[in-house]
Structure formats: C-alpha cells, structure tokens
C-alpha cells in the first residue's frame, strides 16, 4: 500500500493550508477504504507534530525490543492499542459495540511504524502546496 502526504488549501478556512494523507489514487485495492479511514486519518487527526510521532515511534521500538508487551495511544479522535502482534486503531466517535475490535482497523506494527516515520518526515518538510511525500508501506499483510 502506498500513502501520499500533501497539503491542501481550504478556502472555507480563510485559505488555510492543512495536512492530508491519502491512499495513492491509482492503486485499486479493496483495502483502500480501511487504510484511508484508519491509518491515514489517525495520522492527520492525532499526530499533528513530529514530536507526537517520535513519542509513538519510541513506544514501538520498545515493543520490538521486547522491553514492553503493550502500549496505547489516545488521541483527539482515535486510539491505538499496540502489541508485537499488531496495532488496533479505533475511533472515539464510533460508538458501535465492536468499534475497538473491528478487523479493518487492524494493522501490522511494521505498517504503522513506516506510516509514522513517513508522516514525521512530511511534517518537517516545507509547508507548500507543492510538498508531497510518498510512503510505501511494507507488504506484511493484516495481522
């Protein structure tokens, strides 16, 4: 899966540029919706600074090294429960009974790590409508 980070101009916000992440348009995959809804949206909504990305990447590194068995991120709109077996992302807005366990919100640790590393790089790039960063996620499959 390939994610594209870019800036968009919103006239309704007095021509304010905002950060955006989306699935690459020319990729036809049944997984596009879940990557957009969960992985892209958690980056845009809850990882709005490089520092926040760094904090989560530190926790992922602890998981990979076996220093911890579990960590959780609680953001403004999303939460992520992380183990070495994978990451479950869910929305605080979704009040369905199965919101915290839906399979479409499940990603590998490697996918989330790659997305955070790429998003962090993007956040430090010049803020311009010409700025784009492509993130190629590892093909590890859903955990």
C-alpha atoms as a PDB file:
ATOM      1  CA  UNK A   1       0.000   0.000   0.000  1.00  0.00           C
ATOM      2  CA  UNK A   2       1.221   3.487  -0.822  1.00  0.00           C
ATOM      3  CA  UNK A   3       0.218   6.590   1.138  1.00  0.00           C
ATOM      4  CA  UNK A   4       0.627  10.144  -0.145  1.00  0.00           C
ATOM      5  CA  UNK A   5       1.113  13.075   2.229  1.00  0.00           C
ATOM      6  CA  UNK A   6       0.384  16.573   0.948  1.00  0.00           C
ATOM      7  CA  UNK A   7      -1.043  19.969   1.823  1.00  0.00           C
ATOM      8  CA  UNK A   8      -4.497  21.101   0.752  1.00  0.00           C
ATOM      9  CA  UNK A   9      -5.864  24.635   0.622  1.00  0.00           C
ATOM     10  CA  UNK A  10      -9.205  25.195   2.289  1.00  0.00           C
ATOM     11  CA  UNK A  11     -10.955  28.373   1.208  1.00  0.00           C
ATOM     12  CA  UNK A  12     -13.608  27.905   3.888  1.00  0.00           C
ATOM     13  CA  UNK A  13     -10.814  28.281   6.467  1.00  0.00           C
ATOM     14  CA  UNK A  14      -9.599  31.589   5.023  1.00  0.00           C
ATOM     15  CA  UNK A  15      -7.241  29.853   2.586  1.00  0.00           C
ATOM     16  CA  UNK A  16      -5.508  27.892   5.303  1.00  0.00           C
ATOM     17  CA  UNK A  17      -3.294  25.009   4.250  1.00  0.00           C
ATOM     18  CA  UNK A  18      -3.922  21.754   6.070  1.00  0.00           C
ATOM     19  CA  UNK A  19      -2.036  18.474   6.136  1.00  0.00           C
ATOM     20  CA  UNK A  20      -3.554  15.496   4.364  1.00  0.00           C
ATOM     21  CA  UNK A  21      -2.762  11.837   3.914  1.00  0.00           C
ATOM     22  CA  UNK A  22      -4.486   9.542   1.447  1.00  0.00           C
ATOM     23  CA  UNK A  23      -4.067   6.270  -0.385  1.00  0.00           C
ATOM     24  CA  UNK A  24      -2.348   6.628  -3.761  1.00  0.00           C
ATOM     25  CA  UNK A  25      -5.135   7.118  -6.285  1.00  0.00           C
ATOM     26  CA  UNK A  26      -4.004   4.709  -8.980  1.00  0.00           C
ATOM     27  CA  UNK A  27      -3.888   1.716  -6.664  1.00  0.00           C
ATOM     28  CA  UNK A  28      -7.015  -0.388  -6.968  1.00  0.00           C
ATOM     29  CA  UNK A  29      -7.320  -2.371  -3.785  1.00  0.00           C
ATOM     30  CA  UNK A  30     -10.237  -3.437  -1.619  1.00  0.00           C
ATOM     31  CA  UNK A  31      -8.129  -2.246   1.334  1.00  0.00           C
ATOM     32  CA  UNK A  32      -8.052   1.408   0.192  1.00  0.00           C
ATOM     33  CA  UNK A  33     -11.005   2.375   2.391  1.00  0.00           C
ATOM     34  CA  UNK A  34      -9.610   0.866   5.592  1.00  0.00           C
ATOM     35  CA  UNK A  35      -6.151   2.368   5.089  1.00  0.00           C
ATOM     36  CA  UNK A  36      -7.759   5.759   4.437  1.00  0.00           C
ATOM     37  CA  UNK A  37     -10.281   5.528   7.284  1.00  0.00           C
ATOM     38  CA  UNK A  38      -7.938   4.294   9.976  1.00  0.00           C
ATOM     39  CA  UNK A  39      -4.247   4.717   9.177  1.00  0.00           C
ATOM     40  CA  UNK A  40      -4.376   7.962   7.175  1.00  0.00           C
ATOM     41  CA  UNK A  41      -6.997   9.522   9.417  1.00  0.00           C
ATOM     42  CA  UNK A  42      -5.154   8.806  12.684  1.00  0.00           C
ATOM     43  CA  UNK A  43      -2.047  10.489  11.253  1.00  0.00           C
ATOM     44  CA  UNK A  44      -3.934  13.622  10.198  1.00  0.00           C
ATOM     45  CA  UNK A  45      -6.180  13.870  13.264  1.00  0.00           C
ATOM     46  CA  UNK A  46      -3.910  12.824  16.099  1.00  0.00           C
ATOM     47  CA  UNK A  47      -0.255  13.031  15.039  1.00  0.00           C
ATOM     48  CA  UNK A  48      -0.089  16.714  14.253  1.00  0.00           C
ATOM     49  CA  UNK A  49       3.543  17.213  15.255  1.00  0.00           C
ATOM     50  CA  UNK A  50       6.817  15.432  14.717  1.00  0.00           C
ATOM     51  CA  UNK A  51       7.171  15.177  18.495  1.00  0.00           C
ATOM     52  CA  UNK A  52       3.976  13.150  18.830  1.00  0.00           C
ATOM     53  CA  UNK A  53       5.179  10.815  16.069  1.00  0.00           C
ATOM     54  CA  UNK A  54       8.524  10.443  17.850  1.00  0.00           C
ATOM     55  CA  UNK A  55       6.804   9.512  21.137  1.00  0.00           C
ATOM     56  CA  UNK A  56       4.829   6.744  19.448  1.00  0.00           C
ATOM     57  CA  UNK A  57       7.860   5.536  17.493  1.00  0.00           C
ATOM     58  CA  UNK A  58       9.769   5.227  20.786  1.00  0.00           C
ATOM     59  CA  UNK A  59       6.973   3.039  22.159  1.00  0.00           C
ATOM     60  CA  UNK A  60       7.002   0.896  19.013  1.00  0.00           C
ATOM     61  CA  UNK A  61      10.769   0.446  19.383  1.00  0.00           C
ATOM     62  CA  UNK A  62      10.255  -0.751  22.977  1.00  0.00           C
ATOM     63  CA  UNK A  63       7.690  -3.263  21.711  1.00  0.00           C
ATOM     64  CA  UNK A  64      10.061  -4.506  19.004  1.00  0.00           C
ATOM     65  CA  UNK A  65      12.899  -4.948  21.520  1.00  0.00           C
ATOM     66  CA  UNK A  66      10.630  -6.779  23.972  1.00  0.00           C
ATOM     67  CA  UNK A  67      11.012  -4.111  26.667  1.00  0.00           C
ATOM     68  CA  UNK A  68       7.210  -3.770  26.870  1.00  0.00           C
ATOM     69  CA  UNK A  69       4.320  -6.002  25.808  1.00  0.00           C
ATOM     70  CA  UNK A  70       1.675  -3.351  25.239  1.00  0.00           C
ATOM     71  CA  UNK A  71       1.266   0.364  24.670  1.00  0.00           C
ATOM     72  CA  UNK A  72      -1.666   2.578  23.824  1.00  0.00           C
ATOM     73  CA  UNK A  73      -2.106   5.920  22.089  1.00  0.00           C
ATOM     74  CA  UNK A  74      -5.131   8.007  22.985  1.00  0.00           C
ATOM     75  CA  UNK A  75      -5.574  10.978  20.690  1.00  0.00           C
ATOM     76  CA  UNK A  76      -8.260  13.518  19.979  1.00  0.00           C
ATOM     77  CA  UNK A  77     -10.299  11.285  17.672  1.00  0.00           C
ATOM     78  CA  UNK A  78      -8.548   7.898  17.571  1.00  0.00           C
ATOM     79  CA  UNK A  79      -6.907   5.421  19.898  1.00  0.00           C
ATOM     80  CA  UNK A  80      -4.411   2.723  19.019  1.00  0.00           C
ATOM     81  CA  UNK A  81      -3.686  -0.394  21.051  1.00  0.00           C
ATOM     82  CA  UNK A  82      -0.289  -1.810  20.182  1.00  0.00           C
ATOM     83  CA  UNK A  83       1.371  -5.171  20.785  1.00  0.00           C
ATOM     84  CA  UNK A  84       4.107  -7.013  18.899  1.00  0.00           C
ATOM     85  CA  UNK A  85       1.283  -8.841  17.105  1.00  0.00           C
ATOM     86  CA  UNK A  86      -0.176  -5.671  15.632  1.00  0.00           C
ATOM     87  CA  UNK A  87      -1.979  -2.387  16.124  1.00  0.00           C
ATOM     88  CA  UNK A  88      -5.714  -1.951  16.560  1.00  0.00           C
ATOM     89  CA  UNK A  89      -6.894   1.561  15.615  1.00  0.00           C
ATOM     90  CA  UNK A  90     -10.372   2.737  16.513  1.00  0.00           C
ATOM     91  CA  UNK A  91     -12.310   5.980  16.544  1.00  0.00           C
ATOM     92  CA  UNK A  92     -13.704   7.619  19.675  1.00  0.00           C
ATOM     93  CA  UNK A  93     -16.552   8.924  17.533  1.00  0.00           C
ATOM     94  CA  UNK A  94     -17.684   5.440  16.502  1.00  0.00           C
ATOM     95  CA  UNK A  95     -19.920   4.234  19.300  1.00  0.00           C
ATOM     96  CA  UNK A  96     -20.655   0.803  17.806  1.00  0.00           C
ATOM     97  CA  UNK A  97     -20.167  -2.130  20.161  1.00  0.00           C
ATOM     98  CA  UNK A  98     -17.404  -3.620  18.009  1.00  0.00           C
ATOM     99  CA  UNK A  99     -15.538  -0.346  17.270  1.00  0.00           C
ATOM    100  CA  UNK A 100     -12.494  -1.380  19.326  1.00  0.00           C
ATOM    101  CA  UNK A 101     -12.089  -4.784  17.671  1.00  0.00           C
ATOM    102  CA  UNK A 102     -13.035  -4.324  14.018  1.00  0.00           C
ATOM    103  CA  UNK A 103     -10.672  -6.250  11.728  1.00  0.00           C
ATOM    104  CA  UNK A 104     -10.471  -3.349   9.246  1.00  0.00           C
ATOM    105  CA  UNK A 105      -8.797  -1.257  11.985  1.00  0.00           C
ATOM    106  CA  UNK A 106      -6.018  -3.824  12.473  1.00  0.00           C
ATOM    107  CA  UNK A 107      -2.532  -3.212  11.026  1.00  0.00           C
ATOM    108  CA  UNK A 108       0.902  -4.695  11.480  1.00  0.00           C
ATOM    109  CA  UNK A 109       3.411  -2.934  13.687  1.00  0.00           C
ATOM    110  CA  UNK A 110       5.654  -2.532  10.618  1.00  0.00           C
ATOM    111  CA  UNK A 111       2.894  -0.741   8.674  1.00  0.00           C
ATOM    112  CA  UNK A 112       2.174   1.705  11.490  1.00  0.00           C
ATOM    113  CA  UNK A 113       5.882   2.312  12.091  1.00  0.00           C
ATOM    114  CA  UNK A 114       6.501   3.060   8.387  1.00  0.00           C
ATOM    115  CA  UNK A 115       3.468   5.372   8.275  1.00  0.00           C
ATOM    116  CA  UNK A 116       4.637   7.298  11.363  1.00  0.00           C
ATOM    117  CA  UNK A 117       8.222   7.627  10.080  1.00  0.00           C
ATOM    118  CA  UNK A 118       6.980   8.950   6.743  1.00  0.00           C
ATOM    119  CA  UNK A 119       4.398  11.272   8.285  1.00  0.00           C
ATOM    120  CA  UNK A 120       7.025  12.680  10.664  1.00  0.00           C
ATOM    121  CA  UNK A 121       9.324  13.418   7.699  1.00  0.00           C
ATOM    122  CA  UNK A 122       6.437  15.127   5.917  1.00  0.00           C
ATOM    123  CA  UNK A 123       5.672  17.339   8.925  1.00  0.00           C
ATOM    124  CA  UNK A 124       9.224  18.726   8.806  1.00  0.00           C
ATOM    125  CA  UNK A 125       9.106  19.448   5.072  1.00  0.00           C
ATOM    126  CA  UNK A 126       8.288  22.961   3.761  1.00  0.00           C
ATOM    127  CA  UNK A 127       4.619  23.849   4.115  1.00  0.00           C
ATOM    128  CA  UNK A 128       3.628  24.275   0.475  1.00  0.00           C
ATOM    129  CA  UNK A 129       1.007  23.026  -1.964  1.00  0.00           C
ATOM    130  CA  UNK A 130       3.945  21.558  -3.918  1.00  0.00           C
ATOM    131  CA  UNK A 131       5.118  19.462  -0.960  1.00  0.00           C
ATOM    132  CA  UNK A 132       4.405  15.749  -1.326  1.00  0.00           C
ATOM    133  CA  UNK A 133       5.789  12.675   0.349  1.00  0.00           C
ATOM    134  CA  UNK A 134       5.102   9.106  -0.729  1.00  0.00           C
ATOM    135  CA  UNK A 135       5.137   6.429   1.962  1.00  0.00           C
ATOM    136  CA  UNK A 136       5.473   2.850   0.793  1.00  0.00           C
ATOM    137  CA  UNK A 137       4.206   0.520   3.483  1.00  0.00           C
ATOM    138  CA  UNK A 138       5.761  -2.924   3.888  1.00  0.00           C
ATOM    139  CA  UNK A 139       3.723  -5.729   2.362  1.00  0.00           C
ATOM    140  CA  UNK A 140       3.261  -7.708   5.503  1.00  0.00           C
ATOM    141  CA  UNK A 141      -0.473  -8.356   5.345  1.00  0.00           C
ATOM    142  CA  UNK A 142      -3.038  -7.835   8.046  1.00  0.00           C
ATOM    143  CA  UNK A 143      -2.048  -9.317  11.402  1.00  0.00           C
END
